[in-house]
Amino acid sequence: MLKRPLRYFSISLLTIIIKDRIPRCARNDKAGSNSFFFLLTPYRLPLTPFCLLLTAYCFISCAPKAITPLPPQYREELTLAEIVSRASDGIQVLKAIADIRIEKNSEFYDQINASVIFQKPDRAHMRMYKFGMLVSDIVMKDRELYVLTGNKDTKLAGLIEELLFAVFWWDDVEGGVLSSEQDAYIIRTVSKEIHLDKATLLPLRQDISSSGKTVYVKYAEPQNYEGFWYPSKLEISVDDFRFSVKIDKLIKNPPLGEYDFRIPS
C-alpha cells in the first residue's frame, strides 16, 4: 500500500532538488516547456530504490560537517615561567585510565589495564587489571615503592615512576634553559630535555636521565576530556623494554578515595 506514495514522494523530492540545482538557461524553464522534468514523473522513471538512494545522498552531502575541536592555541612567544604556569594550570592530582602494552626486545611481553593516580610532587598509586581482576597494586611515596598486591615485578614497578615523570613533565624545569626552534620549545635541565609544541604547549618528546638510566618518552594524539587537553598516546622506552600507553581518560584534580596512597603501617 505504501509503495506508490513513497515512490511519488521520493521522485517529486528528487525533481525539486535537481530543478533547484540546474541553471535556468540549461533547464529551459518556460511555461509549457517542462520536457526535462517530464522524464522524472512516476510514469517515466519507476526507479524507486535509485531515487531513494540519490535523495538520501543529497541530504547527507548537504548536512553540516562536524568541526573537530583543537587545543588552545598560543600565538605569542612565552618565557619558561609562563610555559610552566599555563601547562601546570593549578594541577595537583591527575588520574589516568589507560591500556598498556609491554614489549621486551621488540617482542610482546604483557598487556594490562591500569588506573593510576598521580599527586604532586612525587606520589603515585597504580592499580593494574587483567580481565577485570586486580593483579597488582603499587604505591610510590617519597620515591619508595610499596607493592600492596601481586608479585614484585621490578619493571612494572618501575613503570609507575616513569609515568609520573612523563605526566608531570613541567616539574623541576624552573631552573632550565629555554630555546625555540621553528614550531617547538625545547627545555633543557641537568636531568631532562623536553620538546613542546609551540602552539599548544603539549609535550612532543622527553628524554629523562634518572637512576643511571635514560628514559625516552614520545607523545602523540592530543585528546580532550572535560576541557582538559593531554596527549592520549605515550611511548616509553627504557633499557630493552617499551611501554605503549593509550590513555582513555586523564582527569584533572579528581577527589581522592579513602584507600588511595594508603600503605601498610
Protein backbone atom coordinates (compact mmCIF):
# COMPACT_ATOMS: atom_id res chain seq x y z
CA MET A 1 0.00 0.00 0.00
CA LEU A 2 2.89 2.41 0.71
CA LYS A 3 4.93 1.68 -2.38
CA ARG A 4 3.22 4.13 -4.79
CA PRO A 5 3.04 7.13 -2.35
CA LEU A 6 6.65 6.50 -1.30
CA ARG A 7 7.72 6.34 -4.93
CA TYR A 8 5.85 9.54 -5.81
CA PHE A 9 7.31 11.34 -2.78
CA SER A 10 10.91 10.32 -3.48
CA ILE A 11 10.70 11.20 -7.19
CA SER A 12 8.96 14.50 -6.52
CA LEU A 13 11.55 15.43 -3.93
CA LEU A 14 14.35 14.45 -6.31
CA THR A 15 12.74 16.58 -9.03
CA ILE A 16 12.72 19.61 -6.74
CA ILE A 17 16.36 19.08 -5.73
CA ILE A 18 17.58 18.65 -9.32
CA LYS A 19 15.47 21.53 -10.61
CA ASP A 20 16.85 23.84 -7.94
CA ARG A 21 20.45 22.99 -8.89
CA ILE A 22 20.17 23.28 -12.72
CA PRO A 23 20.66 26.78 -14.19
CA ARG A 24 17.60 28.34 -15.77
CA CYS A 25 19.31 28.56 -19.17
CA ALA A 26 20.03 24.82 -19.10
CA ARG A 27 16.65 23.67 -17.95
CA ASN A 28 14.65 25.90 -20.33
CA ASP A 29 12.17 26.58 -17.56
CA LYS A 30 9.36 28.25 -19.50
CA ALA A 31 5.65 27.85 -19.35
CA GLY A 32 4.67 24.85 -21.38
CA SER A 33 8.26 23.60 -21.71
CA ASN A 34 8.92 21.06 -18.98
CA SER A 35 10.12 18.16 -21.10
CA PHE A 36 13.18 17.59 -18.89
CA PHE A 37 11.13 17.13 -15.75
CA PHE A 38 8.54 15.10 -17.60
CA LEU A 39 11.15 12.32 -17.59
CA LEU A 40 11.15 12.37 -13.79
CA THR A 41 7.46 11.71 -13.35
CA PRO A 42 6.40 8.38 -11.85
CA TYR A 43 5.13 7.33 -15.28
CA ARG A 44 8.53 7.69 -16.93
CA LEU A 45 11.02 6.80 -14.15
CA PRO A 46 9.88 3.91 -11.94
CA LEU A 47 13.33 3.65 -10.25
CA THR A 48 12.25 3.96 -6.64
CA PRO A 49 15.40 2.45 -4.99
CA PHE A 50 17.64 4.64 -7.14
CA CYS A 51 15.63 7.74 -6.32
CA LEU A 52 15.64 6.98 -2.61
CA LEU A 53 19.40 6.49 -2.57
CA LEU A 54 20.06 9.63 -4.58
CA THR A 55 17.72 11.65 -2.38
CA ALA A 56 19.43 10.37 0.77
CA TYR A 57 22.83 11.19 -0.74
CA CYS A 58 21.74 14.76 -1.46
CA PHE A 59 20.60 15.23 2.16
CA ILE A 60 23.76 13.67 3.63
CA SER A 61 26.16 15.56 1.37
CA CYS A 62 24.49 18.86 2.24
CA ALA A 63 24.47 18.21 6.00
CA PRO A 64 26.82 20.42 8.06
CA LYS A 65 30.13 18.75 8.88
CA ALA A 66 31.21 18.30 12.49
CA ILE A 67 34.11 20.55 13.45
CA THR A 68 36.95 18.77 15.23
CA PRO A 69 37.91 20.80 18.32
CA LEU A 70 41.51 21.91 18.70
CA PRO A 71 43.59 22.52 21.84
CA PRO A 72 44.02 26.14 22.96
CA GLN A 73 46.47 27.97 20.71
CA TYR A 74 49.27 30.22 21.98
CA ARG A 75 50.49 32.64 19.32
CA GLU A 76 52.83 34.83 21.35
CA GLU A 77 56.36 33.92 22.39
CA LEU A 78 56.41 32.75 26.02
CA THR A 79 59.01 32.68 28.76
CA LEU A 80 59.84 29.49 30.67
CA ALA A 81 57.87 30.71 33.70
CA GLU A 82 54.81 31.42 31.53
CA ILE A 83 55.03 27.98 29.89
CA VAL A 84 55.16 26.22 33.27
CA SER A 85 52.30 28.34 34.63
CA ARG A 86 49.98 27.68 31.68
CA ALA A 87 50.85 23.99 31.33
CA SER A 88 50.50 23.13 35.03
CA ASP A 89 47.33 25.28 35.39
CA GLY A 90 46.70 24.53 39.07
CA ILE A 91 47.08 20.76 38.65
CA GLN A 92 47.78 18.92 41.90
CA VAL A 93 46.35 15.48 41.07
CA LEU A 94 45.85 13.60 37.80
CA LYS A 95 44.04 10.30 37.34
CA ALA A 96 44.70 8.22 34.22
CA ILE A 97 42.63 5.33 32.87
CA ALA A 98 44.90 3.54 30.41
CA ASP A 99 45.68 0.44 28.39
CA ILE A 100 49.37 -0.53 28.44
CA ARG A 101 51.13 -2.86 26.02
CA ILE A 102 54.57 -4.00 27.12
CA GLU A 103 57.30 -5.24 24.79
CA LYS A 104 60.72 -6.63 25.63
CA ASN A 105 63.37 -6.68 22.92
CA SER A 106 60.62 -5.72 20.42
CA GLU A 107 58.54 -8.80 21.31
CA PHE A 108 55.25 -8.93 23.18
CA TYR A 109 55.72 -9.23 26.94
CA ASP A 110 52.42 -8.31 28.61
CA GLN A 111 49.18 -6.33 28.28
CA ILE A 112 47.44 -4.64 31.20
CA ASN A 113 44.71 -2.15 32.03
CA ALA A 114 45.61 0.41 34.63
CA SER A 115 44.13 3.09 36.84
CA VAL A 116 46.86 5.46 38.01
CA ILE A 117 46.64 8.44 40.35
CA PHE A 118 49.49 10.96 40.35
CA GLN A 119 49.85 13.55 43.08
CA LYS A 120 52.46 16.27 43.20
CA PRO A 121 55.30 16.23 43.84
CA ASP A 122 56.24 12.54 43.81
CA ARG A 123 53.33 10.28 44.75
CA ALA A 124 51.64 7.72 42.54
CA HIS A 125 49.23 4.84 43.02
CA MET A 126 48.84 2.29 40.22
CA ARG A 127 46.24 -0.46 40.13
CA MET A 128 46.72 -2.97 37.29
CA TYR A 129 43.99 -5.25 35.97
CA LYS A 130 43.65 -8.25 33.68
CA PHE A 131 40.26 -9.47 32.53
CA GLY A 132 38.72 -7.06 35.04
CA MET A 133 40.59 -8.54 38.02
CA LEU A 134 43.14 -6.67 40.13
CA VAL A 135 46.56 -8.28 39.65
CA SER A 136 48.88 -5.63 41.05
CA ASP A 137 48.55 -2.66 43.39
CA ILE A 138 51.60 -0.41 43.77
CA VAL A 139 52.11 2.83 45.67
CA MET A 140 55.05 5.18 45.33
CA LYS A 141 55.68 7.66 48.14
CA ASP A 142 58.82 9.75 48.50
CA ARG A 143 60.34 7.66 45.67
CA GLU A 144 59.82 4.47 47.71
CA LEU A 145 57.80 1.67 46.11
CA TYR A 146 55.28 -0.42 48.07
CA VAL A 147 53.73 -3.49 46.40
CA LEU A 148 50.35 -3.99 48.11
CA THR A 149 49.03 -6.74 45.84
CA GLY A 150 50.69 -9.09 43.37
CA ASN A 151 54.25 -10.13 42.69
CA LYS A 152 57.06 -7.63 42.75
CA ASP A 153 57.86 -7.24 39.06
CA THR A 154 60.64 -4.65 39.04
CA LYS A 155 59.89 -3.47 35.50
CA LEU A 156 56.20 -2.95 36.19
CA ALA A 157 57.04 -1.31 39.49
CA GLY A 158 59.49 1.00 37.72
CA LEU A 159 56.84 1.95 35.16
CA ILE A 160 54.95 3.91 37.81
CA GLU A 161 57.90 6.28 38.28
CA GLU A 162 58.41 6.68 34.54
CA LEU A 163 54.72 7.52 34.07
CA LEU A 164 54.97 10.10 36.85
CA PHE A 165 57.89 11.81 35.05
CA ALA A 166 56.02 11.65 31.74
CA VAL A 167 52.77 13.14 33.05
CA PHE A 168 54.21 15.85 35.32
CA TRP A 169 56.77 16.87 32.69
CA TRP A 170 56.86 20.51 33.89
CA ASP A 171 58.17 19.62 37.38
CA ASP A 172 61.73 20.68 38.18
CA VAL A 173 62.23 22.73 34.99
CA GLU A 174 62.17 26.22 36.51
CA GLY A 175 65.96 26.39 36.51
CA GLY A 176 66.26 25.03 32.98
CA VAL A 177 67.28 26.69 29.73
CA LEU A 178 64.57 27.51 27.18
CA SER A 179 65.24 27.69 23.46
CA SER A 180 62.97 27.98 20.45
CA GLU A 181 63.26 26.07 17.16
CA GLN A 182 60.65 26.52 14.42
CA ASP A 183 57.38 25.17 15.89
CA ALA A 184 58.77 23.79 19.17
CA TYR A 185 60.06 24.96 22.51
CA ILE A 186 62.96 23.00 23.97
CA ILE A 187 63.60 22.95 27.72
CA ARG A 188 66.91 21.54 28.95
CA THR A 189 67.80 20.81 32.55
CA VAL A 190 70.52 18.72 34.15
CA SER A 191 68.35 15.59 34.07
CA LYS A 192 65.99 16.02 31.11
CA GLU A 193 65.24 17.55 27.74
CA ILE A 194 61.65 18.32 26.78
CA HIS A 195 60.25 19.30 23.37
CA LEU A 196 56.88 21.11 23.38
CA ASP A 197 54.50 22.07 20.62
CA LYS A 198 54.78 25.84 20.45
CA ALA A 199 51.11 26.44 19.66
CA THR A 200 49.52 24.08 22.22
CA LEU A 201 52.25 23.67 24.88
CA LEU A 202 51.63 19.92 24.75
CA PRO A 203 54.75 17.74 25.01
CA LEU A 204 56.14 16.05 21.90
CA ARG A 205 59.02 14.08 23.41
CA GLN A 206 61.15 13.93 26.52
CA ASP A 207 64.49 12.36 27.42
CA ILE A 208 64.99 11.75 31.15
CA SER A 209 68.16 10.68 32.96
CA SER A 210 67.33 9.01 36.27
CA SER A 211 68.98 6.38 38.48
CA GLY A 212 71.74 5.69 35.97
CA LYS A 213 69.41 5.09 33.04
CA THR A 214 67.80 7.14 30.27
CA VAL A 215 64.05 7.09 29.70
CA TYR A 216 62.74 8.16 26.29
CA VAL A 217 59.14 9.35 26.05
CA LYS A 218 57.19 10.17 22.88
CA TYR A 219 53.77 11.83 22.99
CA ALA A 220 51.02 11.84 20.33
CA GLU A 221 47.30 12.29 19.58
CA PRO A 222 46.02 15.21 21.71
CA GLN A 223 42.68 14.45 23.34
CA ASN A 224 40.19 16.48 25.33
CA TYR A 225 38.41 15.30 28.48
CA GLU A 226 36.03 17.82 30.05
CA GLY A 227 38.05 20.73 28.71
CA PHE A 228 41.45 19.35 29.75
CA TRP A 229 43.81 18.61 26.86
CA TYR A 230 46.52 15.94 27.04
CA PRO A 231 48.47 13.58 24.74
CA SER A 232 46.48 10.35 24.66
CA LYS A 233 49.34 8.15 23.40
CA LEU A 234 52.69 7.74 25.13
CA GLU A 235 55.57 5.50 24.13
CA ILE A 236 58.07 4.99 26.94
CA SER A 237 61.36 3.24 26.18
CA VAL A 238 63.86 2.24 28.84
CA ASP A 239 66.60 -0.38 28.52
CA ASP A 240 65.14 -3.27 26.49
CA PHE A 241 61.50 -2.51 27.43
CA ARG A 242 58.95 -0.42 25.58
CA PHE A 243 55.61 0.62 27.09
CA SER A 244 52.87 1.74 24.68
CA VAL A 245 50.32 3.63 26.78
CA LYS A 246 46.86 4.58 25.46
CA ILE A 247 45.20 6.99 27.88
CA ASP A 248 41.41 6.81 27.61
CA LYS A 249 40.87 9.49 30.26
CA LEU A 250 43.15 11.88 32.10
CA ILE A 251 41.12 13.55 34.84
CA LYS A 252 42.29 16.82 36.34
CA ASN A 253 42.20 17.20 40.15
CA PRO A 254 39.79 14.33 40.93
CA PRO A 255 38.81 13.73 44.57
CA LEU A 256 40.95 11.13 46.32
CA GLY A 257 39.42 7.95 47.71
CA GLU A 258 39.85 6.55 51.20
CA TYR A 259 42.34 3.88 50.07
CA ASP A 260 44.38 5.97 47.65
CA PHE A 261 48.05 6.12 48.66
CA ARG A 262 47.41 4.01 51.77
CA ILE A 263 50.41 1.85 52.64
CA PRO A 264 50.92 -0.73 55.42
CA SER A 265 51.97 0.85 58.68
